[in-house]
């Protein structure tokens, strides 16, 4: 798996010793007026190969992630964004 894919980036973050709270993901959110939502990674977020699970109940497919930020700086984004 290449680290330039969202799955690769999230896997690297998951297994690093870095503080997850430094990372924020930007996802497409159909409910939000802006169409986007930022979620801080932390203990309440489970990173799976194809999805994120928030608070044990909300499932976000990986394909909805459009950017990953570390300490507010974009470290990965889709080319179309």
PDB file of N, CA and C in Angstrom:
ATOM      1  N   UNK A   1       0.848  -1.179   0.000  1.00  0.00           N
ATOM      2  CA  UNK A   1       0.000   0.000   0.000  1.00  0.00           C
ATOM      3  C   UNK A   1       0.893   1.241   0.000  1.00  0.00           C
ATOM      4  N   UNK A   2       0.590   2.147  -0.871  1.00  0.00           N
ATOM      5  CA  UNK A   2       1.368   3.372  -0.964  1.00  0.00           C
ATOM      6  C   UNK A   2       0.923   4.360   0.104  1.00  0.00           C
ATOM      7  N   UNK A   3       1.869   5.101   0.643  1.00  0.00           N
ATOM      8  CA  UNK A   3       1.537   6.086   1.666  1.00  0.00           C
ATOM      9  C   UNK A   3       0.921   7.351   1.098  1.00  0.00           C
ATOM     10  N   UNK A   4       0.840   7.471  -0.225  1.00  0.00           N
ATOM     11  CA  UNK A   4       0.221   8.665  -0.787  1.00  0.00           C
ATOM     12  C   UNK A   4      -1.279   8.487  -0.984  1.00  0.00           C
ATOM     13  N   UNK A   5      -1.824   7.338  -0.584  1.00  0.00           N
ATOM     14  CA  UNK A   5      -3.267   7.130  -0.602  1.00  0.00           C
ATOM     15  C   UNK A   5      -3.823   7.469   0.775  1.00  0.00           C
ATOM     16  N   UNK A   6      -5.115   7.727   0.849  1.00  0.00           N
ATOM     17  CA  UNK A   6      -5.712   8.037   2.149  1.00  0.00           C
ATOM     18  C   UNK A   6      -5.585   6.846   3.100  1.00  0.00           C
ATOM     19  N   UNK A   7      -5.762   5.633   2.575  1.00  0.00           N
ATOM     20  CA  UNK A   7      -5.623   4.447   3.420  1.00  0.00           C
ATOM     21  C   UNK A   7      -4.196   4.342   3.964  1.00  0.00           C
ATOM     22  N   UNK A   8      -3.206   4.637   3.126  1.00  0.00           N
ATOM     23  CA  UNK A   8      -1.810   4.592   3.557  1.00  0.00           C
ATOM     24  C   UNK A   8      -1.488   5.644   4.599  1.00  0.00           C
ATOM     25  N   UNK A   9      -1.979   6.851   4.385  1.00  0.00           N
ATOM     26  CA  UNK A   9      -1.747   7.946   5.347  1.00  0.00           C
ATOM     27  C   UNK A   9      -2.387   7.621   6.694  1.00  0.00           C
ATOM     28  N   UNK A  10      -3.648   7.166   6.670  1.00  0.00           N
ATOM     29  CA  UNK A  10      -4.337   6.858   7.929  1.00  0.00           C
ATOM     30  C   UNK A  10      -3.684   5.686   8.651  1.00  0.00           C
ATOM     31  N   UNK A  11      -3.206   4.696   7.904  1.00  0.00           N
ATOM     32  CA  UNK A  11      -2.506   3.569   8.514  1.00  0.00           C
ATOM     33  C   UNK A  11      -1.217   4.040   9.188  1.00  0.00           C
ATOM     34  N   UNK A  12      -0.485   4.899   8.503  1.00  0.00           N
ATOM     35  CA  UNK A  12       0.758   5.440   9.065  1.00  0.00           C
ATOM     36  C   UNK A  12       0.475   6.221  10.350  1.00  0.00           C
ATOM     37  N   UNK A  13      -0.585   7.030  10.336  1.00  0.00           N
ATOM     38  CA  UNK A  13      -0.964   7.798  11.527  1.00  0.00           C
ATOM     39  C   UNK A  13      -1.361   6.854  12.658  1.00  0.00           C
ATOM     40  N   UNK A  14      -2.162   5.845  12.330  1.00  0.00           N
ATOM     41  CA  UNK A  14      -2.661   4.893  13.331  1.00  0.00           C
ATOM     42  C   UNK A  14      -1.514   4.199  14.068  1.00  0.00           C
ATOM     43  N   UNK A  15      -0.490   3.783  13.341  1.00  0.00           N
ATOM     44  CA  UNK A  15       0.588   3.000  13.939  1.00  0.00           C
ATOM     45  C   UNK A  15       1.777   3.841  14.397  1.00  0.00           C
ATOM     46  N   UNK A  16       1.742   5.140  14.160  1.00  0.00           N
ATOM     47  CA  UNK A  16       2.840   5.993  14.627  1.00  0.00           C
ATOM     48  C   UNK A  16       2.692   6.231  16.129  1.00  0.00           C
ATOM     49  N   UNK A  17       3.744   6.702  16.733  1.00  0.00           N
ATOM     50  CA  UNK A  17       3.693   7.012  18.165  1.00  0.00           C
ATOM     51  C   UNK A  17       3.294   8.458  18.397  1.00  0.00           C
ATOM     52  N   UNK A  18       2.945   9.144  17.309  1.00  0.00           N
ATOM     53  CA  UNK A  18       2.544  10.545  17.383  1.00  0.00           C
ATOM     54  C   UNK A  18       1.172  10.662  18.054  1.00  0.00           C
ATOM     55  N   UNK A  19       0.910  11.777  18.679  1.00  0.00           N
ATOM     56  CA  UNK A  19      -0.362  12.044  19.341  1.00  0.00           C
ATOM     57  C   UNK A  19      -1.467  12.201  18.297  1.00  0.00           C
ATOM     58  N   UNK A  20      -2.481  11.341  18.342  1.00  0.00           N
ATOM     59  CA  UNK A  20      -3.577  11.398  17.370  1.00  0.00           C
ATOM     60  C   UNK A  20      -4.334  12.716  17.422  1.00  0.00           C
ATOM     61  N   UNK A  21      -4.341  13.372  18.572  1.00  0.00           N
ATOM     62  CA  UNK A  21      -5.076  14.628  18.719  1.00  0.00           C
ATOM     63  C   UNK A  21      -4.487  15.749  17.857  1.00  0.00           C
ATOM     64  N   UNK A  22      -3.282  15.561  17.333  1.00  0.00           N
ATOM     65  CA  UNK A  22      -2.669  16.547  16.439  1.00  0.00           C
ATOM     66  C   UNK A  22      -3.284  16.497  15.039  1.00  0.00           C
ATOM     67  N   UNK A  23      -3.999  15.411  14.754  1.00  0.00           N
ATOM     68  CA  UNK A  23      -4.510  15.182  13.404  1.00  0.00           C
ATOM     69  C   UNK A  23      -6.004  15.472  13.298  1.00  0.00           C
ATOM     70  N   UNK A  24      -6.373  16.088  12.198  1.00  0.00           N
ATOM     71  CA  UNK A  24      -7.769  16.376  11.877  1.00  0.00           C
ATOM     72  C   UNK A  24      -8.027  15.863  10.473  1.00  0.00           C
ATOM     73  N   UNK A  25      -9.184  15.244  10.282  1.00  0.00           N
ATOM     74  CA  UNK A  25      -9.564  14.842   8.931  1.00  0.00           C
ATOM     75  C   UNK A  25     -10.724  15.713   8.473  1.00  0.00           C
ATOM     76  N   UNK A  26     -10.743  16.017   7.200  1.00  0.00           N
ATOM     77  CA  UNK A  26     -11.837  16.782   6.601  1.00  0.00           C
ATOM     78  C   UNK A  26     -12.618  15.802   5.740  1.00  0.00           C
ATOM     79  N   UNK A  27     -13.919  15.692   6.029  1.00  0.00           N
ATOM     80  CA  UNK A  27     -14.756  14.737   5.304  1.00  0.00           C
ATOM     81  C   UNK A  27     -15.936  15.439   4.646  1.00  0.00           C
ATOM     82  N   UNK A  28     -16.434  14.822   3.588  1.00  0.00           N
ATOM     83  CA  UNK A  28     -17.654  15.302   2.949  1.00  0.00           C
ATOM     84  C   UNK A  28     -18.813  14.942   3.864  1.00  0.00           C
ATOM     85  N   UNK A  29     -19.631  15.939   4.220  1.00  0.00           N
ATOM     86  CA  UNK A  29     -20.765  15.749   5.125  1.00  0.00           C
ATOM     87  C   UNK A  29     -22.014  16.312   4.466  1.00  0.00           C
ATOM     88  N   UNK A  30     -22.920  15.453   4.113  1.00  0.00           N
ATOM     89  CA  UNK A  30     -24.135  15.878   3.402  1.00  0.00           C
ATOM     90  C   UNK A  30     -25.083  16.691   4.273  1.00  0.00           C
ATOM     91  N   UNK A  31     -24.943  16.605   5.589  1.00  0.00           N
ATOM     92  CA  UNK A  31     -25.838  17.306   6.511  1.00  0.00           C
ATOM     93  C   UNK A  31     -25.357  18.732   6.797  1.00  0.00           C
ATOM     94  N   UNK A  32     -24.060  18.923   6.812  1.00  0.00           N
ATOM     95  CA  UNK A  32     -23.477  20.229   7.134  1.00  0.00           C
ATOM     96  C   UNK A  32     -23.777  21.251   6.040  1.00  0.00           C
ATOM     97  N   UNK A  33     -24.096  22.497   6.429  1.00  0.00           N
ATOM     98  CA  UNK A  33     -24.358  23.546   5.430  1.00  0.00           C
ATOM     99  C   UNK A  33     -23.175  23.786   4.485  1.00  0.00           C
ATOM    100  N   UNK A  34     -21.957  23.643   4.997  1.00  0.00           N
ATOM    101  CA  UNK A  34     -20.775  23.859   4.153  1.00  0.00           C
ATOM    102  C   UNK A  34     -20.455  22.643   3.288  1.00  0.00           C
ATOM    103  N   UNK A  35     -21.037  21.502   3.642  1.00  0.00           N
ATOM    104  CA  UNK A  35     -20.761  20.272   2.906  1.00  0.00           C
ATOM    105  C   UNK A  35     -19.520  19.543   3.395  1.00  0.00           C
ATOM    106  N   UNK A  36     -18.833  20.144   4.381  1.00  0.00           N
ATOM    107  CA  UNK A  36     -17.620  19.549   4.931  1.00  0.00           C
ATOM    108  C   UNK A  36     -17.686  19.519   6.451  1.00  0.00           C
ATOM    109  N   UNK A  37     -16.936  18.596   7.032  1.00  0.00           N
ATOM    110  CA  UNK A  37     -16.868  18.502   8.489  1.00  0.00           C
ATOM    111  C   UNK A  37     -15.438  18.129   8.865  1.00  0.00           C
ATOM    112  N   UNK A  38     -14.912  18.759   9.913  1.00  0.00           N
ATOM    113  CA  UNK A  38     -13.581  18.427  10.414  1.00  0.00           C
ATOM    114  C   UNK A  38     -13.727  17.589  11.676  1.00  0.00           C
ATOM    115  N   UNK A  39     -12.970  16.504  11.730  1.00  0.00           N
ATOM    116  CA  UNK A  39     -13.020  15.592  12.865  1.00  0.00           C
ATOM    117  C   UNK A  39     -11.608  15.413  13.402  1.00  0.00           C
ATOM    118  N   UNK A  40     -11.441  15.641  14.700  1.00  0.00           N
ATOM    119  CA  UNK A  40     -10.145  15.437  15.348  1.00  0.00           C
ATOM    120  C   UNK A  40     -10.000  13.951  15.639  1.00  0.00           C
ATOM    121  N   UNK A  41      -8.864  13.392  15.242  1.00  0.00           N
ATOM    122  CA  UNK A  41      -8.611  11.990  15.553  1.00  0.00           C
ATOM    123  C   UNK A  41      -8.253  11.876  17.022  1.00  0.00           C
ATOM    124  N   UNK A  42      -8.620  10.775  17.622  1.00  0.00           N
ATOM    125  CA  UNK A  42      -8.335  10.553  19.032  1.00  0.00           C
ATOM    126  C   UNK A  42      -8.814   9.172  19.425  1.00  0.00           C
ATOM    127  N   UNK A  43      -8.933   8.939  20.716  1.00  0.00           N
ATOM    128  CA  UNK A  43      -9.346   7.629  21.211  1.00  0.00           C
ATOM    129  C   UNK A  43     -10.757   7.257  20.777  1.00  0.00           C
ATOM    130  N   UNK A  44     -11.582   8.255  20.453  1.00  0.00           N
ATOM    131  CA  UNK A  44     -12.961   7.981  20.057  1.00  0.00           C
ATOM    132  C   UNK A  44     -13.082   7.618  18.575  1.00  0.00           C
ATOM    133  N   UNK A  45     -11.958   7.619  17.842  1.00  0.00           N
ATOM    134  CA  UNK A  45     -11.970   7.314  16.413  1.00  0.00           C
ATOM    135  C   UNK A  45     -11.195   6.024  16.169  1.00  0.00           C
ATOM    136  N   UNK A  46     -11.871   5.050  15.557  1.00  0.00           N
ATOM    137  CA  UNK A  46     -11.228   3.796  15.182  1.00  0.00           C
ATOM    138  C   UNK A  46     -10.945   3.861  13.689  1.00  0.00           C
ATOM    139  N   UNK A  47      -9.680   3.655  13.323  1.00  0.00           N
ATOM    140  CA  UNK A  47      -9.272   3.704  11.922  1.00  0.00           C
ATOM    141  C   UNK A  47      -9.229   2.282  11.383  1.00  0.00           C
ATOM    142  N   UNK A  48     -10.081   1.992  10.412  1.00  0.00           N
ATOM    143  CA  UNK A  48     -10.105   0.695   9.731  1.00  0.00           C
ATOM    144  C   UNK A  48      -9.566   0.878   8.322  1.00  0.00           C
ATOM    145  N   UNK A  49      -9.401  -0.223   7.611  1.00  0.00           N
ATOM    146  CA  UNK A  49      -8.856  -0.175   6.249  1.00  0.00           C
ATOM    147  C   UNK A  49      -9.737   0.633   5.298  1.00  0.00           C
ATOM    148  N   UNK A  50     -11.057   0.521   5.449  1.00  0.00           N
ATOM    149  CA  UNK A  50     -11.984   1.147   4.498  1.00  0.00           C
ATOM    150  C   UNK A  50     -12.934   2.160   5.114  1.00  0.00           C
ATOM    151  N   UNK A  51     -12.807   2.408   6.426  1.00  0.00           N
ATOM    152  CA  UNK A  51     -13.751   3.309   7.098  1.00  0.00           C
ATOM    153  C   UNK A  51     -13.178   3.803   8.422  1.00  0.00           C
ATOM    154  N   UNK A  52     -13.805   4.862   8.922  1.00  0.00           N
ATOM    155  CA  UNK A  52     -13.519   5.382  10.256  1.00  0.00           C
ATOM    156  C   UNK A  52     -14.771   5.183  11.088  1.00  0.00           C
ATOM    157  N   UNK A  53     -14.608   4.819  12.340  1.00  0.00           N
ATOM    158  CA  UNK A  53     -15.746   4.652  13.239  1.00  0.00           C
ATOM    159  C   UNK A  53     -15.580   5.677  14.359  1.00  0.00           C
ATOM    160  N   UNK A  54     -16.572   6.570  14.466  1.00  0.00           N
ATOM    161  CA  UNK A  54     -16.522   7.654  15.438  1.00  0.00           C
ATOM    162  C   UNK A  54     -17.458   7.328  16.598  1.00  0.00           C
ATOM    163  N   UNK A  55     -16.935   7.392  17.820  1.00  0.00           N
ATOM    164  CA  UNK A  55     -17.720   7.132  19.038  1.00  0.00           C
ATOM    165  C   UNK A  55     -18.441   5.791  18.999  1.00  0.00           C
ATOM    166  N   UNK A  56     -17.879   4.821  18.299  1.00  0.00           N
ATOM    167  CA  UNK A  56     -18.452   3.485  18.263  1.00  0.00           C
ATOM    168  C   UNK A  56     -19.716   3.333  17.454  1.00  0.00           C
ATOM    169  N   UNK A  57     -20.202   4.407  16.827  1.00  0.00           N
ATOM    170  CA  UNK A  57     -21.468   4.288  16.108  1.00  0.00           C
ATOM    171  C   UNK A  57     -21.501   4.945  14.733  1.00  0.00           C
ATOM    172  N   UNK A  58     -20.854   6.071  14.553  1.00  0.00           N
ATOM    173  CA  UNK A  58     -20.880   6.767  13.270  1.00  0.00           C
ATOM    174  C   UNK A  58     -19.789   6.200  12.367  1.00  0.00           C
ATOM    175  N   UNK A  59     -20.186   5.725  11.192  1.00  0.00           N
ATOM    176  CA  UNK A  59     -19.239   5.149  10.238  1.00  0.00           C
ATOM    177  C   UNK A  59     -19.049   6.115   9.075  1.00  0.00           C
ATOM    178  N   UNK A  60     -17.793   6.424   8.780  1.00  0.00           N
ATOM    179  CA  UNK A  60     -17.461   7.304   7.659  1.00  0.00           C
ATOM    180  C   UNK A  60     -16.595   6.508   6.691  1.00  0.00           C
ATOM    181  N   UNK A  61     -17.091   6.272   5.476  1.00  0.00           N
ATOM    182  CA  UNK A  61     -16.270   5.567   4.484  1.00  0.00           C
ATOM    183  C   UNK A  61     -15.019   6.382   4.145  1.00  0.00           C
ATOM    184  N   UNK A  62     -13.924   5.690   3.926  1.00  0.00           N
ATOM    185  CA  UNK A  62     -12.651   6.348   3.626  1.00  0.00           C
ATOM    186  C   UNK A  62     -12.755   7.258   2.403  1.00  0.00           C
ATOM    187  N   UNK A  63     -13.581   6.891   1.425  1.00  0.00           N
ATOM    188  CA  UNK A  63     -13.657   7.704   0.203  1.00  0.00           C
ATOM    189  C   UNK A  63     -14.247   9.095   0.452  1.00  0.00           C
ATOM    190  N   UNK A  64     -14.831   9.327   1.625  1.00  0.00           N
ATOM    191  CA  UNK A  64     -15.359  10.661   1.954  1.00  0.00           C
ATOM    192  C   UNK A  64     -14.313  11.591   2.561  1.00  0.00           C
ATOM    193  N   UNK A  65     -13.167  11.051   2.917  1.00  0.00           N
ATOM    194  CA  UNK A  65     -12.086  11.882   3.460  1.00  0.00           C
ATOM    195  C   UNK A  65     -11.452  12.644   2.301  1.00  0.00           C
ATOM    196  N   UNK A  66     -11.399  13.974   2.426  1.00  0.00           N
ATOM    197  CA  UNK A  66     -10.810  14.771   1.342  1.00  0.00           C
ATOM    198  C   UNK A  66      -9.495  15.431   1.746  1.00  0.00           C
ATOM    199  N   UNK A  67      -9.201  15.463   3.055  1.00  0.00           N
ATOM    200  CA  UNK A  67      -7.934  16.052   3.497  1.00  0.00           C
ATOM    201  C   UNK A  67      -7.585  15.552   4.896  1.00  0.00           C
ATOM    202  N   UNK A  68      -6.289  15.567   5.181  1.00  0.00           N
ATOM    203  CA  UNK A  68      -5.781  15.245   6.512  1.00  0.00           C
ATOM    204  C   UNK A  68      -4.874  16.401   6.920  1.00  0.00           C
ATOM    205  N   UNK A  69      -5.078  16.884   8.139  1.00  0.00           N
ATOM    206  CA  UNK A  69      -4.264  17.983   8.660  1.00  0.00           C
ATOM    207  C   UNK A  69      -3.510  17.512   9.899  1.00  0.00           C
ATOM    208  N   UNK A  70      -2.310  18.046  10.069  1.00  0.00           N
ATOM    209  CA  UNK A  70      -1.538  17.820  11.294  1.00  0.00           C
ATOM    210  C   UNK A  70      -1.222  19.186  11.864  1.00  0.00           C
ATOM    211  N   UNK A  71      -1.685  19.432  13.063  1.00  0.00           N
ATOM    212  CA  UNK A  71      -1.496  20.731  13.731  1.00  0.00           C
ATOM    213  C   UNK A  71      -1.958  21.880  12.842  1.00  0.00           C
ATOM    214  N   UNK A  72      -3.066  21.666  12.122  1.00  0.00           N
ATOM    215  CA  UNK A  72      -3.660  22.711  11.291  1.00  0.00           C
ATOM    216  C   UNK A  72      -3.117  22.813   9.880  1.00  0.00           C
ATOM    217  N   UNK A  73      -2.028  22.105   9.574  1.00  0.00           N
ATOM    218  CA  UNK A  73      -1.415  22.160   8.245  1.00  0.00           C
ATOM    219  C   UNK A  73      -1.828  20.930   7.432  1.00  0.00           C
ATOM    220  N   UNK A  74      -2.275  21.142   6.207  1.00  0.00           N
ATOM    221  CA  UNK A  74      -2.693  20.037   5.345  1.00  0.00           C
ATOM    222  C   UNK A  74      -1.472  19.198   4.974  1.00  0.00           C
ATOM    223  N   UNK A  75      -1.538  17.891   5.308  1.00  0.00           N
ATOM    224  CA  UNK A  75      -0.444  16.985   4.952  1.00  0.00           C
ATOM    225  C   UNK A  75      -0.840  16.044   3.823  1.00  0.00           C
ATOM    226  N   UNK A  76      -2.127  15.969   3.530  1.00  0.00           N
ATOM    227  CA  UNK A  76      -2.628  15.152   2.425  1.00  0.00           C
ATOM    228  C   UNK A  76      -3.968  15.716   1.984  1.00  0.00           C
ATOM    229  N   UNK A  77      -4.200  15.742   0.683  1.00  0.00           N
ATOM    230  CA  UNK A  77      -5.523  16.105   0.165  1.00  0.00           C
ATOM    231  C   UNK A  77      -5.715  15.433  -1.179  1.00  0.00           C
ATOM    232  N   UNK A  78      -6.970  15.239  -1.521  1.00  0.00           N
ATOM    233  CA  UNK A  78      -7.280  14.664  -2.833  1.00  0.00           C
ATOM    234  C   UNK A  78      -6.897  15.667  -3.905  1.00  0.00           C
ATOM    235  N   UNK A  79      -6.462  15.181  -5.030  1.00  0.00           N
ATOM    236  CA  UNK A  79      -6.045  16.054  -6.127  1.00  0.00           C
ATOM    237  C   UNK A  79      -7.187  16.911  -6.640  1.00  0.00           C
ATOM    238  N   UNK A  80      -8.410  16.411  -6.537  1.00  0.00           N
ATOM    239  CA  UNK A  80      -9.566  17.148  -7.059  1.00  0.00           C
ATOM    240  C   UNK A  80     -10.039  18.250  -6.132  1.00  0.00           C
ATOM    241  N   UNK A  81      -9.451  18.365  -4.939  1.00  0.00           N
ATOM    242  CA  UNK A  81      -9.883  19.375  -3.965  1.00  0.00           C
ATOM    243  C   UNK A  81      -9.014  20.601  -4.066  1.00  0.00           C
TER     244      UNK A  81
END
